């Protein structure tokens, strides 16, 4: 047996999205933009800090290869058609 909120809440959300939002959104949108302005996210770190974060002593090999215990790499077999 399904609980009542599990049926009622999705139906109410569907009614809102389908019928009410097209009329309410143009009215509410300018008011909401006053409170929540969209600001671009900017990185404050310099390029040296970014490089030091990327190179923290662990080397990740590039490409399709696996590293084994002695440091050598084994290339993965590629499927050729």
Protein backbone atom coordinates (compact mmCIF):
# COMPACT_ATOMS: atom_id res chain seq x y z
CA UNK A 1 0.00 0.00 0.00
CA UNK A 2 1.35 3.43 -0.96
CA UNK A 3 1.16 6.27 1.53
CA UNK A 4 -1.03 9.27 0.73
CA UNK A 5 1.83 11.86 0.51
CA UNK A 6 3.60 9.64 -2.03
CA UNK A 7 0.61 10.12 -4.33
CA UNK A 8 -0.51 13.65 -3.46
CA UNK A 9 2.86 15.44 -3.58
CA UNK A 10 3.80 14.34 -7.13
CA UNK A 11 0.31 15.23 -8.36
CA UNK A 12 0.51 18.68 -6.79
CA UNK A 13 3.97 19.23 -8.27
CA UNK A 14 2.70 18.20 -11.71
CA UNK A 15 -0.26 20.59 -11.43
CA UNK A 16 2.05 23.41 -10.40
CA UNK A 17 4.57 22.79 -13.20
CA UNK A 18 1.89 22.28 -15.82
CA UNK A 19 -0.69 24.95 -15.00
CA UNK A 20 0.48 27.40 -12.33
CA UNK A 21 4.16 27.99 -13.12
CA UNK A 22 3.60 29.55 -16.59
CA UNK A 23 1.55 32.28 -14.94
CA UNK A 24 3.38 32.66 -11.62
CA UNK A 25 6.98 32.53 -12.85
CA UNK A 26 6.94 35.85 -14.78
CA UNK A 27 5.57 37.56 -11.67
CA UNK A 28 7.94 35.93 -9.15
CA UNK A 29 11.09 35.92 -11.30
CA UNK A 30 11.96 39.66 -11.05
CA UNK A 31 11.45 39.58 -7.29
CA UNK A 32 13.71 36.53 -6.90
CA UNK A 33 16.44 38.10 -9.05
CA UNK A 34 16.70 40.93 -6.53
CA UNK A 35 17.62 38.48 -3.76
CA UNK A 36 19.63 35.89 -5.69
CA UNK A 37 21.89 37.59 -8.19
CA UNK A 38 24.00 35.37 -10.39
CA UNK A 39 27.69 36.04 -9.88
CA UNK A 40 30.46 34.34 -11.81
CA UNK A 41 32.65 32.00 -9.80
CA UNK A 42 36.27 33.09 -9.96
CA UNK A 43 39.33 31.16 -8.88
CA UNK A 44 41.52 33.16 -6.53
CA UNK A 45 44.59 30.93 -6.69
CA UNK A 46 47.60 31.59 -8.89
CA UNK A 47 48.88 29.16 -11.48
CA UNK A 48 51.65 28.00 -9.09
CA UNK A 49 49.08 26.98 -6.50
CA UNK A 50 47.06 25.10 -9.11
CA UNK A 51 50.18 23.28 -10.24
CA UNK A 52 51.14 22.35 -6.68
CA UNK A 53 47.62 21.01 -6.04
CA UNK A 54 47.82 18.85 -9.15
CA UNK A 55 51.29 17.54 -8.36
CA UNK A 56 51.03 16.42 -4.76
CA UNK A 57 53.65 13.70 -5.12
CA UNK A 58 51.43 11.18 -6.86
CA UNK A 59 52.08 10.72 -10.55
CA UNK A 60 49.12 9.61 -12.61
CA UNK A 61 50.19 8.15 -15.95
CA UNK A 62 48.43 9.48 -18.99
CA UNK A 63 46.64 7.35 -21.53
CA UNK A 64 45.35 3.81 -21.36
CA UNK A 65 47.98 2.14 -19.24
CA UNK A 66 48.28 0.49 -15.85
CA UNK A 67 51.13 0.98 -13.40
CA UNK A 68 52.59 -2.05 -11.66
CA UNK A 69 54.68 -2.17 -8.46
CA UNK A 70 58.10 -1.41 -9.96
CA UNK A 71 56.83 1.72 -11.73
CA UNK A 72 56.70 0.39 -15.28
CA UNK A 73 53.48 0.61 -17.21
CA UNK A 74 51.51 -1.96 -19.14
CA UNK A 75 49.56 -0.60 -22.08
CA UNK A 76 46.00 -1.79 -22.45
CA UNK A 77 45.10 -3.74 -25.56
CA UNK A 78 42.92 -1.70 -27.88
CA UNK A 79 40.21 -3.27 -29.93
CA UNK A 80 40.84 -2.74 -33.63
CA UNK A 81 38.27 -3.30 -36.33
